[in-house]
Amino acid sequence: MIPDFDIKQLNNIYIGDIDPNDYPDFCDAYIESADYGDRELTDEECEWITDTYPEIVQEKAFDQLL
């Protein structure tokens, strides 16, 4: 968990395990890497964001497919 998490500081998001057949849910997709402000997120933080904000994963997975 990131204390005082501000979604606006999340950038350079890369989604892993995108299966186009899972559209629109992308149930296997997850945040593989991302930056928060000026630092790279840990694997645990990426997992927390994936679990807590699945809409981010869905949106970014769709964007990566385009």
N, C-alpha and C. Protein backbone atom coordinates (compact mmCIF):
# COMPACT_ATOMS: atom_id res chain seq x y z
N MET A 1 0.84 -1.19 0.00
CA MET A 1 0.00 0.00 0.00
C MET A 1 0.87 1.25 0.00
N ILE A 2 0.42 2.25 -0.71
CA ILE A 2 1.13 3.52 -0.76
C ILE A 2 0.34 4.53 0.07
N PRO A 3 0.93 5.03 1.16
CA PRO A 3 0.22 6.01 1.98
C PRO A 3 -0.14 7.24 1.16
N ASP A 4 -1.33 7.75 1.36
CA ASP A 4 -1.79 8.96 0.67
C ASP A 4 -1.66 8.83 -0.85
N PHE A 5 -2.02 7.67 -1.39
CA PHE A 5 -1.90 7.41 -2.82
C PHE A 5 -2.68 8.44 -3.63
N ASP A 6 -2.00 9.03 -4.62
CA ASP A 6 -2.61 10.01 -5.52
C ASP A 6 -2.48 9.47 -6.94
N ILE A 7 -3.58 9.04 -7.52
CA ILE A 7 -3.58 8.41 -8.84
C ILE A 7 -2.96 9.31 -9.91
N LYS A 8 -2.99 10.61 -9.71
CA LYS A 8 -2.44 11.55 -10.68
C LYS A 8 -0.92 11.46 -10.79
N GLN A 9 -0.27 10.87 -9.79
CA GLN A 9 1.18 10.73 -9.80
C GLN A 9 1.64 9.43 -10.45
N LEU A 10 0.70 8.60 -10.88
CA LEU A 10 1.01 7.32 -11.51
C LEU A 10 1.26 7.56 -13.00
N ASN A 11 2.42 7.11 -13.50
CA ASN A 11 2.74 7.29 -14.91
C ASN A 11 3.63 6.17 -15.42
N ASN A 12 3.89 6.17 -16.71
CA ASN A 12 4.71 5.13 -17.35
C ASN A 12 4.22 3.72 -17.00
N ILE A 13 2.93 3.54 -17.08
CA ILE A 13 2.30 2.26 -16.70
C ILE A 13 2.43 1.27 -17.85
N TYR A 14 2.98 0.09 -17.54
CA TYR A 14 3.05 -1.00 -18.52
C TYR A 14 2.24 -2.17 -17.99
N ILE A 15 1.31 -2.65 -18.81
CA ILE A 15 0.44 -3.75 -18.42
C ILE A 15 0.96 -5.05 -19.03
N GLY A 16 1.03 -6.09 -18.21
CA GLY A 16 1.46 -7.39 -18.69
C GLY A 16 0.30 -8.36 -18.83
N ASP A 17 0.52 -9.40 -19.62
CA ASP A 17 -0.42 -10.51 -19.81
C ASP A 17 -1.77 -10.07 -20.36
N ILE A 18 -1.73 -9.24 -21.40
CA ILE A 18 -2.97 -8.78 -22.04
C ILE A 18 -3.39 -9.81 -23.08
N ASP A 19 -4.60 -10.31 -22.94
CA ASP A 19 -5.18 -11.24 -23.89
C ASP A 19 -6.36 -10.55 -24.56
N PRO A 20 -6.26 -10.24 -25.86
CA PRO A 20 -7.36 -9.54 -26.54
C PRO A 20 -8.69 -10.28 -26.43
N ASN A 21 -8.65 -11.59 -26.26
CA ASN A 21 -9.89 -12.36 -26.14
C ASN A 21 -10.61 -12.10 -24.82
N ASP A 22 -9.91 -11.48 -23.86
CA ASP A 22 -10.50 -11.15 -22.56
C ASP A 22 -11.20 -9.80 -22.54
N TYR A 23 -11.17 -9.09 -23.68
CA TYR A 23 -11.80 -7.77 -23.73
C TYR A 23 -13.27 -7.87 -23.36
N PRO A 24 -13.82 -7.01 -22.54
CA PRO A 24 -13.27 -5.78 -22.00
C PRO A 24 -12.71 -5.94 -20.58
N ASP A 25 -12.76 -7.15 -20.04
CA ASP A 25 -12.35 -7.35 -18.65
C ASP A 25 -10.84 -7.47 -18.45
N PHE A 26 -10.15 -8.07 -19.41
CA PHE A 26 -8.71 -8.30 -19.28
C PHE A 26 -8.37 -8.90 -17.91
N CYS A 27 -9.05 -10.00 -17.59
CA CYS A 27 -8.98 -10.58 -16.24
C CYS A 27 -7.59 -11.06 -15.84
N ASP A 28 -6.71 -11.37 -16.79
CA ASP A 28 -5.36 -11.82 -16.44
C ASP A 28 -4.32 -10.70 -16.47
N ALA A 29 -4.72 -9.53 -16.93
CA ALA A 29 -3.79 -8.42 -17.05
C ALA A 29 -3.43 -7.86 -15.67
N TYR A 30 -2.23 -7.30 -15.59
CA TYR A 30 -1.75 -6.73 -14.33
C TYR A 30 -0.73 -5.63 -14.63
N ILE A 31 -0.49 -4.77 -13.67
CA ILE A 31 0.53 -3.74 -13.82
C ILE A 31 1.88 -4.39 -13.63
N GLU A 32 2.64 -4.43 -14.72
CA GLU A 32 3.97 -5.05 -14.67
C GLU A 32 5.01 -4.07 -14.14
N SER A 33 4.86 -2.79 -14.56
CA SER A 33 5.75 -1.75 -14.06
C SER A 33 5.06 -0.40 -14.19
N ALA A 34 5.49 0.52 -13.36
CA ALA A 34 4.95 1.87 -13.38
C ALA A 34 5.82 2.76 -12.50
N ASP A 35 5.67 4.04 -12.70
CA ASP A 35 6.35 5.02 -11.86
C ASP A 35 5.32 5.75 -11.03
N TYR A 36 5.74 6.15 -9.86
CA TYR A 36 4.89 6.96 -8.99
C TYR A 36 5.70 8.20 -8.66
N GLY A 37 5.28 9.32 -9.25
CA GLY A 37 6.09 10.52 -9.10
C GLY A 37 7.41 10.31 -9.82
N ASP A 38 8.49 10.38 -9.08
CA ASP A 38 9.82 10.25 -9.69
C ASP A 38 10.51 8.93 -9.36
N ARG A 39 9.76 7.94 -8.88
CA ARG A 39 10.39 6.66 -8.55
C ARG A 39 9.62 5.49 -9.17
N GLU A 40 10.36 4.41 -9.40
CA GLU A 40 9.75 3.20 -9.94
C GLU A 40 9.07 2.44 -8.80
N LEU A 41 7.88 1.91 -9.09
CA LEU A 41 7.15 1.15 -8.08
C LEU A 41 7.77 -0.23 -7.88
N THR A 42 7.64 -0.75 -6.67
CA THR A 42 8.07 -2.11 -6.39
C THR A 42 7.03 -3.08 -6.94
N ASP A 43 7.40 -4.35 -7.02
CA ASP A 43 6.44 -5.36 -7.47
C ASP A 43 5.23 -5.41 -6.55
N GLU A 44 5.45 -5.26 -5.26
CA GLU A 44 4.35 -5.29 -4.29
C GLU A 44 3.41 -4.11 -4.49
N GLU A 45 3.96 -2.95 -4.77
CA GLU A 45 3.12 -1.76 -5.01
C GLU A 45 2.32 -1.92 -6.31
N CYS A 46 2.95 -2.47 -7.34
CA CYS A 46 2.23 -2.71 -8.60
C CYS A 46 1.08 -3.69 -8.37
N GLU A 47 1.33 -4.72 -7.58
CA GLU A 47 0.28 -5.69 -7.27
C GLU A 47 -0.86 -5.03 -6.49
N TRP A 48 -0.52 -4.18 -5.53
CA TRP A 48 -1.54 -3.49 -4.73
C TRP A 48 -2.41 -2.61 -5.61
N ILE A 49 -1.79 -1.86 -6.53
CA ILE A 49 -2.56 -0.98 -7.42
C ILE A 49 -3.43 -1.82 -8.35
N THR A 50 -2.89 -2.92 -8.87
CA THR A 50 -3.66 -3.82 -9.73
C THR A 50 -4.91 -4.31 -9.00
N ASP A 51 -4.75 -4.71 -7.75
CA ASP A 51 -5.88 -5.23 -6.97
C ASP A 51 -6.86 -4.15 -6.53
N THR A 52 -6.34 -2.98 -6.21
CA THR A 52 -7.15 -1.90 -5.66
C THR A 52 -7.83 -1.06 -6.74
N TYR A 53 -7.19 -0.91 -7.88
CA TYR A 53 -7.69 -0.07 -8.96
C TYR A 53 -7.75 -0.85 -10.28
N PRO A 54 -8.60 -1.87 -10.37
CA PRO A 54 -8.66 -2.68 -11.60
C PRO A 54 -9.07 -1.87 -12.83
N GLU A 55 -9.77 -0.76 -12.63
CA GLU A 55 -10.16 0.07 -13.77
C GLU A 55 -8.95 0.67 -14.48
N ILE A 56 -7.88 0.92 -13.73
CA ILE A 56 -6.65 1.42 -14.35
C ILE A 56 -6.07 0.35 -15.26
N VAL A 57 -6.05 -0.88 -14.78
CA VAL A 57 -5.52 -1.99 -15.57
C VAL A 57 -6.34 -2.16 -16.85
N GLN A 58 -7.64 -2.12 -16.74
CA GLN A 58 -8.50 -2.28 -17.91
C GLN A 58 -8.27 -1.16 -18.92
N GLU A 59 -8.24 0.06 -18.45
CA GLU A 59 -8.05 1.20 -19.34
C GLU A 59 -6.70 1.16 -20.04
N LYS A 60 -5.65 0.90 -19.29
CA LYS A 60 -4.30 0.89 -19.87
C LYS A 60 -4.10 -0.33 -20.76
N ALA A 61 -4.70 -1.47 -20.43
CA ALA A 61 -4.61 -2.65 -21.28
C ALA A 61 -5.24 -2.36 -22.64
N PHE A 62 -6.40 -1.73 -22.64
CA PHE A 62 -7.04 -1.36 -23.88
C PHE A 62 -6.17 -0.40 -24.68
N ASP A 63 -5.59 0.59 -24.02
CA ASP A 63 -4.72 1.57 -24.69
C ASP A 63 -3.52 0.88 -25.33
N GLN A 64 -2.93 -0.11 -24.65
CA GLN A 64 -1.76 -0.80 -25.18
C GLN A 64 -2.11 -1.65 -26.41
N LEU A 65 -3.35 -2.09 -26.50
CA LEU A 65 -3.75 -2.89 -27.66
C LEU A 65 -3.90 -2.04 -28.92
N LEU A 66 -4.16 -0.76 -28.75
CA LEU A 66 -4.37 0.11 -29.92
C LEU A 66 -3.10 0.40 -30.65
